[in-house]
């Protein structure tokens, strides 16, 4: 009996406390989370960096195929430098700018199309620059996630 009580106190109580803490944190919002979506027709690499106490910390460079979405590994509110480049030319950024992140953000990487010339060009060069456009984050439905069976009695054949 004493062994069961000791087992319960040493293992079960901490596990229950951890589970309760995780349930409470599940309702919290992770402010400073950034996701990127590649809305171009080319493969791009996205990398962000932050400066903390005078030290620049770079996040993981993430390669995104067209239509792919990735979440940045740095979860921090504040100023952040975002760089987008072509994996074949890593020394030439397609986009580089500072962004002030206040909340969770979804950024769409889109081609930055220049103004159309007065005379049409037969073979225009591919877009060499991109832009980041903030988008609205998707929300989860508030009701049940799975639709129930149709209302009424089933029809008999």
N, C-alpha and C. Protein backbone atom coordinates (compact mmCIF):
# COMPACT_ATOMS: atom_id res chain seq x y z
N UNK A 1 0.81 -1.18 0.00
CA UNK A 1 0.00 0.00 0.00
C UNK A 1 0.87 1.26 0.00
N UNK A 2 1.93 1.21 0.77
CA UNK A 2 2.83 2.36 0.85
C UNK A 2 3.53 2.57 -0.49
N UNK A 3 3.88 1.45 -1.16
CA UNK A 3 4.53 1.56 -2.46
C UNK A 3 3.61 2.21 -3.48
N UNK A 4 2.34 1.86 -3.47
CA UNK A 4 1.39 2.46 -4.40
C UNK A 4 1.26 3.95 -4.16
N UNK A 5 1.21 4.36 -2.91
CA UNK A 5 1.11 5.78 -2.58
C UNK A 5 2.36 6.52 -3.02
N UNK A 6 3.54 5.93 -2.81
CA UNK A 6 4.79 6.56 -3.24
C UNK A 6 4.84 6.65 -4.76
N UNK A 7 4.40 5.60 -5.46
CA UNK A 7 4.35 5.62 -6.93
C UNK A 7 3.42 6.72 -7.42
N UNK A 8 2.26 6.82 -6.78
CA UNK A 8 1.28 7.82 -7.17
C UNK A 8 1.84 9.22 -6.98
N UNK A 9 2.51 9.46 -5.88
CA UNK A 9 3.06 10.79 -5.59
C UNK A 9 4.24 11.12 -6.50
N UNK A 10 5.06 10.14 -6.82
CA UNK A 10 6.27 10.44 -7.59
C UNK A 10 6.04 10.52 -9.09
N UNK A 11 5.09 9.77 -9.61
CA UNK A 11 4.90 9.73 -11.06
C UNK A 11 3.54 10.30 -11.49
N UNK A 12 2.49 9.88 -10.90
CA UNK A 12 1.16 10.25 -11.36
C UNK A 12 0.83 11.73 -11.09
N UNK A 13 1.17 12.22 -9.91
CA UNK A 13 0.86 13.62 -9.62
C UNK A 13 1.60 14.59 -10.53
N UNK A 14 2.92 14.43 -10.77
CA UNK A 14 3.57 15.33 -11.73
C UNK A 14 3.01 15.21 -13.14
N UNK A 15 2.63 14.00 -13.55
CA UNK A 15 2.05 13.82 -14.88
C UNK A 15 0.70 14.52 -14.98
N UNK A 16 -0.10 14.43 -13.94
CA UNK A 16 -1.39 15.14 -13.94
C UNK A 16 -1.19 16.65 -13.97
N UNK A 17 -0.23 17.15 -13.22
CA UNK A 17 0.05 18.58 -13.20
C UNK A 17 0.53 19.06 -14.56
N UNK A 18 1.39 18.27 -15.21
CA UNK A 18 1.87 18.63 -16.53
C UNK A 18 0.73 18.63 -17.55
N UNK A 19 -0.14 17.63 -17.47
CA UNK A 19 -1.29 17.58 -18.37
C UNK A 19 -2.22 18.76 -18.19
N UNK A 20 -2.47 19.16 -16.95
CA UNK A 20 -3.32 20.32 -16.68
C UNK A 20 -2.68 21.59 -17.21
N UNK A 21 -1.37 21.72 -17.05
CA UNK A 21 -0.67 22.91 -17.56
C UNK A 21 -0.74 22.97 -19.08
N UNK A 22 -0.58 21.82 -19.74
CA UNK A 22 -0.66 21.81 -21.20
C UNK A 22 -2.06 22.14 -21.69
N UNK A 23 -3.08 21.69 -20.96
CA UNK A 23 -4.45 22.03 -21.35
C UNK A 23 -4.68 23.52 -21.23
N UNK A 24 -4.16 24.13 -20.19
CA UNK A 24 -4.32 25.58 -20.02
C UNK A 24 -3.55 26.33 -21.09
N UNK A 25 -2.36 25.86 -21.44
CA UNK A 25 -1.56 26.53 -22.45
C UNK A 25 -2.13 26.31 -23.84
N UNK A 26 -2.89 25.27 -24.05
CA UNK A 26 -3.49 25.02 -25.35
C UNK A 26 -4.45 26.12 -25.76
N UNK A 27 -5.02 26.81 -24.80
CA UNK A 27 -5.92 27.91 -25.09
C UNK A 27 -5.16 29.19 -25.37
N UNK A 28 -3.89 29.27 -24.97
CA UNK A 28 -3.11 30.49 -25.15
C UNK A 28 -2.71 30.65 -26.61
N UNK A 29 -2.40 31.87 -26.98
CA UNK A 29 -2.00 32.18 -28.33
C UNK A 29 -0.50 32.40 -28.36
N UNK A 30 0.18 31.85 -29.33
CA UNK A 30 1.63 32.02 -29.45
C UNK A 30 1.92 33.26 -30.26
N UNK A 31 1.95 34.42 -29.62
CA UNK A 31 2.17 35.68 -30.34
C UNK A 31 3.57 35.70 -30.92
N UNK A 32 3.67 36.20 -32.16
CA UNK A 32 4.96 36.31 -32.82
C UNK A 32 5.25 35.17 -33.77
N UNK A 33 4.30 34.32 -34.02
CA UNK A 33 4.47 33.20 -34.94
C UNK A 33 4.27 33.71 -36.36
N UNK A 34 5.18 33.37 -37.27
CA UNK A 34 5.09 33.79 -38.67
C UNK A 34 5.04 32.57 -39.56
N UNK A 35 4.13 32.59 -40.52
CA UNK A 35 4.06 31.54 -41.54
C UNK A 35 4.23 32.21 -42.90
N UNK A 36 4.87 31.51 -43.81
CA UNK A 36 5.10 32.01 -45.17
C UNK A 36 4.41 31.08 -46.15
N UNK A 37 3.78 31.66 -47.18
CA UNK A 37 3.19 30.87 -48.26
C UNK A 37 3.77 31.34 -49.58
N UNK A 38 4.29 30.44 -50.38
CA UNK A 38 4.90 30.78 -51.66
C UNK A 38 3.83 30.83 -52.74
N UNK A 39 3.45 32.03 -53.14
CA UNK A 39 2.47 32.21 -54.21
C UNK A 39 3.13 32.61 -55.52
N UNK A 40 4.39 32.26 -55.70
CA UNK A 40 5.08 32.50 -56.96
C UNK A 40 5.14 31.19 -57.73
N UNK A 41 5.72 31.24 -58.93
CA UNK A 41 5.86 30.01 -59.72
C UNK A 41 7.29 29.50 -59.69
N UNK A 42 8.07 29.93 -58.70
CA UNK A 42 9.45 29.49 -58.57
C UNK A 42 9.75 29.05 -57.15
N UNK A 43 10.80 28.30 -56.98
CA UNK A 43 11.24 27.87 -55.66
C UNK A 43 11.99 29.04 -55.02
N UNK A 44 11.66 29.34 -53.76
CA UNK A 44 12.33 30.42 -53.03
C UNK A 44 12.80 29.90 -51.68
N UNK A 45 13.74 30.63 -51.09
CA UNK A 45 14.22 30.33 -49.75
C UNK A 45 13.91 31.54 -48.88
N UNK A 46 13.34 31.29 -47.70
CA UNK A 46 12.98 32.36 -46.76
C UNK A 46 13.78 32.16 -45.49
N UNK A 47 14.31 33.27 -44.98
CA UNK A 47 15.05 33.22 -43.72
C UNK A 47 14.81 34.53 -42.98
N UNK A 48 14.57 34.42 -41.68
CA UNK A 48 14.39 35.62 -40.87
C UNK A 48 15.48 35.68 -39.82
N UNK A 49 15.72 36.88 -39.33
CA UNK A 49 16.71 37.05 -38.28
C UNK A 49 16.23 38.13 -37.33
N UNK A 50 16.63 38.00 -36.08
CA UNK A 50 16.29 38.99 -35.05
C UNK A 50 17.58 39.40 -34.34
N UNK A 51 17.55 40.59 -33.77
CA UNK A 51 18.68 41.06 -32.98
C UNK A 51 18.26 41.08 -31.53
N UNK A 52 18.97 40.31 -30.70
CA UNK A 52 18.69 40.22 -29.28
C UNK A 52 19.97 40.59 -28.52
N UNK A 53 19.91 41.64 -27.73
CA UNK A 53 21.06 42.11 -26.95
C UNK A 53 22.28 42.36 -27.84
N UNK A 54 22.06 42.94 -29.01
CA UNK A 54 23.15 43.27 -29.92
C UNK A 54 23.68 42.10 -30.73
N UNK A 55 23.10 40.91 -30.58
CA UNK A 55 23.54 39.72 -31.30
C UNK A 55 22.47 39.33 -32.32
N UNK A 56 22.88 39.19 -33.58
CA UNK A 56 21.95 38.80 -34.64
C UNK A 56 21.80 37.29 -34.61
N UNK A 57 20.56 36.83 -34.51
CA UNK A 57 20.27 35.40 -34.51
C UNK A 57 19.43 35.07 -35.74
N UNK A 58 19.98 34.22 -36.58
CA UNK A 58 19.29 33.85 -37.81
C UNK A 58 18.46 32.59 -37.58
N UNK A 59 17.27 32.59 -38.18
CA UNK A 59 16.44 31.40 -38.15
C UNK A 59 16.87 30.43 -39.23
N UNK A 60 16.22 29.30 -39.26
CA UNK A 60 16.53 28.27 -40.26
C UNK A 60 16.06 28.74 -41.63
N UNK A 61 16.91 28.59 -42.63
CA UNK A 61 16.52 28.90 -44.01
C UNK A 61 15.58 27.81 -44.50
N UNK A 62 14.42 28.21 -45.03
CA UNK A 62 13.40 27.24 -45.45
C UNK A 62 13.15 27.37 -46.94
N UNK A 63 13.29 26.26 -47.66
CA UNK A 63 13.04 26.25 -49.09
C UNK A 63 11.57 25.94 -49.34
N UNK A 64 10.91 26.82 -50.10
CA UNK A 64 9.48 26.66 -50.37
C UNK A 64 9.24 26.48 -51.86
N UNK A 65 8.58 25.41 -52.21
CA UNK A 65 8.13 25.20 -53.59
C UNK A 65 6.87 26.02 -53.81
N UNK A 66 6.46 26.21 -55.07
CA UNK A 66 5.23 26.97 -55.32
C UNK A 66 4.03 26.35 -54.60
N UNK A 67 3.29 27.18 -53.86
CA UNK A 67 2.10 26.75 -53.13
C UNK A 67 2.39 26.19 -51.75
N UNK A 68 3.63 26.03 -51.38
CA UNK A 68 3.98 25.43 -50.10
C UNK A 68 3.94 26.48 -48.98
N UNK A 69 3.64 26.01 -47.76
CA UNK A 69 3.57 26.87 -46.58
C UNK A 69 4.57 26.35 -45.55
N UNK A 70 5.25 27.29 -44.87
CA UNK A 70 6.20 26.92 -43.82
C UNK A 70 6.04 27.89 -42.66
N UNK A 71 6.32 27.41 -41.45
CA UNK A 71 6.26 28.23 -40.25
C UNK A 71 7.68 28.52 -39.80
N UNK A 72 7.93 29.78 -39.47
CA UNK A 72 9.25 30.20 -39.03
C UNK A 72 9.55 29.63 -37.65
N UNK A 73 10.79 29.26 -37.42
CA UNK A 73 11.18 28.66 -36.15
C UNK A 73 11.35 29.68 -35.03
N UNK A 74 11.50 30.96 -35.36
CA UNK A 74 11.66 32.00 -34.35
C UNK A 74 10.28 32.51 -33.97
N UNK A 75 9.92 32.35 -32.71
CA UNK A 75 8.63 32.85 -32.23
C UNK A 75 8.94 34.01 -31.29
N UNK A 76 8.83 35.24 -31.81
CA UNK A 76 9.22 36.41 -31.06
C UNK A 76 8.47 37.61 -31.59
N UNK A 77 7.98 38.45 -30.70
CA UNK A 77 7.32 39.68 -31.10
C UNK A 77 8.39 40.76 -31.18
N UNK A 78 8.32 41.60 -32.22
CA UNK A 78 9.27 42.70 -32.35
C UNK A 78 9.79 42.80 -33.77
N UNK A 79 10.92 43.53 -33.91
CA UNK A 79 11.51 43.76 -35.23
C UNK A 79 12.20 42.50 -35.72
N UNK A 80 12.05 42.25 -37.00
CA UNK A 80 12.61 41.06 -37.62
C UNK A 80 13.00 41.39 -39.05
N UNK A 81 14.15 40.92 -39.48
CA UNK A 81 14.59 41.10 -40.86
C UNK A 81 14.25 39.83 -41.63
N UNK A 82 13.51 39.98 -42.72
CA UNK A 82 13.07 38.84 -43.53
C UNK A 82 13.77 38.93 -44.88
N UNK A 83 14.39 37.83 -45.27
CA UNK A 83 15.10 37.77 -46.55
C UNK A 83 14.54 36.61 -47.36
N UNK A 84 14.23 36.90 -48.63
CA UNK A 84 13.76 35.88 -49.58
C UNK A 84 14.76 35.87 -50.73
N UNK A 85 15.24 34.69 -51.10
CA UNK A 85 16.18 34.62 -52.20
C UNK A 85 15.98 33.35 -53.01
N UNK A 86 16.54 33.36 -54.20
CA UNK A 86 16.52 32.21 -55.10
C UNK A 86 17.60 31.24 -54.63
N UNK A 87 17.29 29.94 -54.49
CA UNK A 87 18.31 29.01 -54.01
C UNK A 87 19.52 28.88 -54.94
N UNK A 88 19.34 29.23 -56.22
CA UNK A 88 20.46 29.16 -57.16
C UNK A 88 21.37 30.38 -57.05
N UNK A 89 20.83 31.49 -56.50
CA UNK A 89 21.60 32.73 -56.34
C UNK A 89 21.43 33.25 -54.91
N UNK A 90 22.04 32.59 -53.92
CA UNK A 90 21.80 32.99 -52.53
C UNK A 90 22.37 34.35 -52.16
N UNK A 91 23.30 34.89 -52.95
CA UNK A 91 23.89 36.20 -52.64
C UNK A 91 23.08 37.37 -53.17
N UNK A 92 22.04 37.09 -53.98
CA UNK A 92 21.20 38.14 -54.54
C UNK A 92 19.79 37.99 -53.99
N UNK A 93 19.42 38.78 -52.97
CA UNK A 93 18.08 38.62 -52.39
C UNK A 93 16.99 39.13 -53.34
N UNK A 94 15.90 38.39 -53.38
CA UNK A 94 14.72 38.82 -54.12
C UNK A 94 13.92 39.82 -53.30
N UNK A 95 14.03 39.71 -51.97
CA UNK A 95 13.34 40.61 -51.05
C UNK A 95 14.14 40.63 -49.75
N UNK A 96 14.31 41.83 -49.19
CA UNK A 96 14.92 41.94 -47.87
C UNK A 96 14.40 43.23 -47.25
N UNK A 97 13.79 43.09 -46.08
CA UNK A 97 13.23 44.25 -45.40
C UNK A 97 13.01 43.90 -43.94
N UNK A 98 12.87 44.95 -43.14
CA UNK A 98 12.57 44.77 -41.73
C UNK A 98 11.06 44.82 -41.54
N UNK A 99 10.55 43.98 -40.67
CA UNK A 99 9.12 43.93 -40.38
C UNK A 99 8.93 43.98 -38.88
N UNK A 100 7.91 44.69 -38.44
CA UNK A 100 7.57 44.74 -37.03
C UNK A 100 6.43 43.76 -36.80
N UNK A 101 6.71 42.70 -36.06
CA UNK A 101 5.74 41.64 -35.81
C UNK A 101 5.10 41.89 -34.46
N UNK A 102 3.78 42.09 -34.46
CA UNK A 102 3.05 42.34 -33.22
C UNK A 102 2.20 41.15 -32.80
N UNK A 103 1.86 40.30 -33.76
CA UNK A 103 0.95 39.18 -33.48
C UNK A 103 1.28 38.06 -34.46
N UNK A 104 0.53 36.98 -34.40
CA UNK A 104 0.71 35.90 -35.36
C UNK A 104 0.42 36.43 -36.77
N UNK A 105 1.23 36.03 -37.75
CA UNK A 105 1.14 36.61 -39.08
C UNK A 105 1.31 35.53 -40.14
N UNK A 106 0.56 35.67 -41.22
CA UNK A 106 0.73 34.84 -42.42
C UNK A 106 1.15 35.77 -43.54
N UNK A 107 2.32 35.52 -44.12
CA UNK A 107 2.84 36.37 -45.20
C UNK A 107 2.85 35.58 -46.50
N UNK A 108 2.24 36.17 -47.52
CA UNK A 108 2.20 35.57 -48.84
C UNK A 108 3.36 36.13 -49.66
N UNK A 109 4.19 35.25 -50.23
CA UNK A 109 5.28 35.67 -51.10
C UNK A 109 4.73 35.72 -52.51
N UNK A 110 4.67 36.93 -53.08
CA UNK A 110 4.08 37.12 -54.40
C UNK A 110 5.07 37.79 -55.32
N UNK A 111 4.98 37.54 -56.64
CA UNK A 111 5.89 38.23 -57.56
C UNK A 111 5.59 39.72 -57.57
N UNK A 112 6.63 40.51 -57.56
CA UNK A 112 6.50 41.96 -57.62
C UNK A 112 6.59 42.37 -59.08
N UNK A 113 5.44 42.47 -59.74
CA UNK A 113 5.40 42.75 -61.17
C UNK A 113 5.63 44.23 -61.40
N UNK A 114 6.58 44.57 -62.26
CA UNK A 114 6.80 45.98 -62.58
C UNK A 114 5.67 46.52 -63.44
N UNK A 115 5.63 47.83 -63.58
CA UNK A 115 4.62 48.47 -64.43
C UNK A 115 4.80 47.98 -65.86
N UNK A 116 3.68 47.76 -66.55
CA UNK A 116 3.75 47.24 -67.92
C UNK A 116 4.32 48.31 -68.84
N UNK A 117 5.25 47.92 -69.73
CA UNK A 117 5.82 48.90 -70.66
C UNK A 117 4.78 49.32 -71.70
N UNK A 118 5.02 50.49 -72.30
CA UNK A 118 4.08 51.01 -73.30
C UNK A 118 4.03 50.10 -74.51
N UNK A 119 5.16 49.56 -74.90
CA UNK A 119 5.18 48.64 -76.03
C UNK A 119 5.28 47.21 -75.49
N UNK A 120 4.42 46.30 -75.94
CA UNK A 120 4.46 44.93 -75.42
C UNK A 120 5.75 44.22 -75.81
N UNK A 121 6.24 43.41 -74.88
CA UNK A 121 7.47 42.63 -75.10
C UNK A 121 7.06 41.20 -75.36
N UNK A 122 7.69 40.57 -76.37
CA UNK A 122 7.31 39.19 -76.73
C UNK A 122 7.64 38.20 -75.63
N UNK A 123 8.83 38.20 -75.14
CA UNK A 123 9.25 37.27 -74.09
C UNK A 123 9.71 38.07 -72.87
N UNK A 124 8.78 38.41 -71.97
CA UNK A 124 9.20 39.17 -70.79
C UNK A 124 10.07 38.32 -69.87
N UNK A 125 11.05 38.93 -69.21
CA UNK A 125 11.89 38.16 -68.30
C UNK A 125 11.09 37.72 -67.09
N UNK A 126 11.49 36.63 -66.44
CA UNK A 126 10.77 36.19 -65.24
C UNK A 126 10.91 37.22 -64.13
N UNK A 127 9.96 37.22 -63.22
CA UNK A 127 9.98 38.18 -62.12
C UNK A 127 11.25 37.95 -61.29
N UNK A 128 12.00 39.01 -61.08
CA UNK A 128 13.24 38.88 -60.32
C UNK A 128 13.07 39.36 -58.89
N UNK A 129 12.00 40.05 -58.62
CA UNK A 129 11.75 40.53 -57.26
C UNK A 129 10.42 39.98 -56.77
N UNK A 130 10.31 39.87 -55.46
CA UNK A 130 9.06 39.43 -54.85
C UNK A 130 8.67 40.44 -53.77
N UNK A 131 7.44 40.32 -53.32
CA UNK A 131 6.96 41.15 -52.21
C UNK A 131 6.24 40.25 -51.22
N UNK A 132 6.18 40.72 -49.97
CA UNK A 132 5.46 39.99 -48.93
C UNK A 132 4.17 40.73 -48.65
N UNK A 133 3.06 40.00 -48.73
CA UNK A 133 1.74 40.58 -48.51
C UNK A 133 1.13 39.90 -47.29
N UNK A 134 0.80 40.67 -46.23
CA UNK A 134 0.16 40.05 -45.06
C UNK A 134 -1.22 39.54 -45.43
N UNK A 135 -1.57 38.37 -44.91
CA UNK A 135 -2.87 37.77 -45.18
C UNK A 135 -3.57 37.48 -43.87
N UNK A 136 -4.87 37.29 -43.94
CA UNK A 136 -5.64 36.96 -42.75
C UNK A 136 -5.41 35.49 -42.40
N UNK A 137 -5.17 35.25 -41.11
CA UNK A 137 -4.97 33.87 -40.66
C UNK A 137 -6.28 33.11 -40.69
N UNK A 138 -6.25 31.86 -41.10
CA UNK A 138 -7.47 31.05 -41.06
C UNK A 138 -7.86 30.78 -39.61
N UNK A 139 -9.15 30.70 -39.36
CA UNK A 139 -9.63 30.42 -38.01
C UNK A 139 -10.32 29.07 -37.98
N UNK A 140 -10.30 28.46 -36.83
CA UNK A 140 -10.98 27.18 -36.66
C UNK A 140 -12.46 27.40 -36.46
N UNK A 141 -13.31 26.50 -36.94
CA UNK A 141 -14.73 26.66 -36.70
C UNK A 141 -15.05 26.52 -35.21
N UNK A 142 -16.08 27.24 -34.77
CA UNK A 142 -16.40 27.22 -33.35
C UNK A 142 -17.28 26.04 -32.97
N UNK A 143 -17.98 25.44 -33.92
CA UNK A 143 -18.87 24.32 -33.63
C UNK A 143 -18.15 22.99 -33.73
N UNK A 144 -18.92 21.91 -33.79
CA UNK A 144 -18.30 20.59 -33.93
C UNK A 144 -17.54 20.50 -35.26
N UNK A 145 -16.43 19.80 -35.26
CA UNK A 145 -15.60 19.74 -36.45
C UNK A 145 -16.13 18.76 -37.49
N UNK A 146 -16.85 17.77 -37.08
CA UNK A 146 -17.38 16.79 -38.02
C UNK A 146 -18.89 16.98 -38.15
N UNK A 147 -19.38 17.07 -39.38
CA UNK A 147 -20.83 17.19 -39.52
C UNK A 147 -21.52 15.89 -39.11
N UNK A 148 -22.67 16.04 -38.52
CA UNK A 148 -23.41 14.88 -38.06
C UNK A 148 -24.20 14.25 -39.19
N UNK A 149 -24.96 13.22 -38.89
CA UNK A 149 -25.79 12.58 -39.90
C UNK A 149 -26.92 13.54 -40.33
N UNK A 150 -27.42 13.37 -41.52
CA UNK A 150 -28.49 14.26 -41.98
C UNK A 150 -29.72 14.13 -41.09
N UNK A 151 -30.42 15.24 -40.94
CA UNK A 151 -31.64 15.24 -40.10
C UNK A 151 -32.76 14.48 -40.78
N UNK A 152 -33.62 13.90 -40.00
CA UNK A 152 -34.77 13.18 -40.55
C UNK A 152 -34.50 11.68 -40.62
N UNK A 153 -35.51 10.98 -41.06
CA UNK A 153 -35.40 9.53 -41.16
C UNK A 153 -34.76 9.16 -42.48
N UNK A 154 -33.96 8.09 -42.47
CA UNK A 154 -33.38 7.65 -43.75
C UNK A 154 -34.44 7.07 -44.65
N UNK A 155 -34.24 7.27 -45.95
CA UNK A 155 -35.21 6.73 -46.91
C UNK A 155 -34.96 5.24 -47.10
N UNK A 156 -36.07 4.50 -47.16
CA UNK A 156 -35.96 3.04 -47.38
C UNK A 156 -36.11 2.78 -48.87
N UNK A 157 -35.33 1.84 -49.40
CA UNK A 157 -35.40 1.56 -50.84
C UNK A 157 -36.64 0.83 -51.24
